[in-house]
Amino acid sequence: MTRTTWLIEVEGGTCIGSGICAGTAPDHFAVENGTSRPTRRRTEPAERVLDAAESCPVEAITVRVEETGEVIAPEE
């Protein structure tokens, strides 16, 4: 069985620090000095991570499949 890992990226220059991601997925995001940061870059798949990326008002969060680089959030 193949295990999938996701990579979480936050574009610091785009992030406005709304905190929606940290509120949606507090185990995966934290706001520090007005900018969101992933609490860890690599994570197991979790619906909350996708919800956080989709909820970002400026689309500063990207979630990719580590093994393929495929962007899975935000959806276009």
Protein backbone atom coordinates (compact mmCIF):
# COMPACT_ATOMS: atom_id res chain seq x y z
CA MET A 1 0.00 0.00 0.00
CA THR A 2 1.39 3.39 -1.02
CA ARG A 3 1.27 6.13 1.57
CA THR A 4 0.48 9.64 0.40
CA THR A 5 1.97 12.75 1.96
CA TRP A 6 0.86 16.30 1.36
CA LEU A 7 3.04 19.41 1.29
CA ILE A 8 1.59 22.65 2.66
CA GLU A 9 2.94 25.96 1.39
CA VAL A 10 1.94 29.48 2.45
CA GLU A 11 3.01 32.38 0.25
CA GLY A 12 4.11 34.90 2.86
CA GLY A 13 3.97 37.87 0.49
CA THR A 14 0.34 37.10 -0.36
CA CYS A 15 -0.92 36.12 3.12
CA ILE A 16 -2.91 38.84 4.90
CA GLY A 17 -2.95 37.04 8.26
CA SER A 18 -6.73 36.64 8.45
CA GLY A 19 -6.29 33.53 10.62
CA ILE A 20 -9.06 31.59 8.88
CA CYS A 21 -6.63 28.75 8.20
CA ALA A 22 -5.55 28.56 11.84
CA GLY A 23 -9.19 28.58 12.92
CA THR A 24 -10.10 25.88 10.42
CA ALA A 25 -7.06 23.64 10.93
CA PRO A 26 -5.29 24.70 14.15
CA ASP A 27 -3.10 21.59 14.16
CA HIS A 28 -1.73 22.57 10.74
CA PHE A 29 -1.50 26.40 10.73
CA ALA A 30 -0.44 29.19 13.08
CA VAL A 31 -0.39 32.95 12.59
CA GLU A 32 2.89 34.51 13.66
CA ASN A 33 3.76 38.18 13.22
CA GLY A 34 0.71 38.71 11.02
CA THR A 35 1.46 35.87 8.60
CA SER A 36 0.23 32.29 8.53
CA ARG A 37 2.74 29.46 8.67
CA PRO A 38 2.20 25.71 8.41
CA THR A 39 3.00 24.06 11.73
CA ARG A 40 4.76 21.40 9.62
CA ARG A 41 5.33 21.42 5.88
CA ARG A 42 4.63 17.70 5.37
CA THR A 43 1.40 16.15 6.60
CA GLU A 44 -0.84 13.17 6.20
CA PRO A 45 -3.97 13.89 4.14
CA ALA A 46 -6.59 15.74 6.19
CA GLU A 47 -9.84 17.32 5.04
CA ARG A 48 -9.25 20.31 7.34
CA VAL A 49 -6.08 21.21 5.43
CA LEU A 50 -8.07 21.35 2.18
CA ASP A 51 -10.80 23.37 3.89
CA ALA A 52 -8.21 25.86 5.16
CA ALA A 53 -6.67 26.27 1.69
CA GLU A 54 -10.08 26.73 0.09
CA SER A 55 -11.11 29.24 2.79
CA CYS A 56 -8.07 31.51 2.41
CA PRO A 57 -9.43 34.84 1.12
CA VAL A 58 -6.28 35.55 -0.93
CA GLU A 59 -5.43 31.95 -1.95
CA ALA A 60 -2.05 32.11 -0.21
CA ILE A 61 -2.13 28.40 0.71
CA THR A 62 -1.19 25.63 -1.71
CA VAL A 63 -1.52 21.93 -0.91
CA ARG A 64 0.34 19.45 -3.11
CA VAL A 65 0.74 15.70 -3.26
CA GLU A 66 4.40 15.27 -2.30
CA GLU A 67 5.00 12.28 -4.54
CA THR A 68 3.66 13.88 -7.75
CA GLY A 69 3.62 17.65 -7.12
CA GLU A 70 -0.06 17.73 -8.10
CA VAL A 71 -1.87 20.75 -6.65
CA ILE A 72 -4.98 19.58 -4.84
CA ALA A 73 -5.97 22.88 -3.21
CA PRO A 74 -7.08 25.44 -3.86
CA GLU A 75 -9.21 24.14 -6.67
CA GLU A 76 -9.26 26.27 -9.78
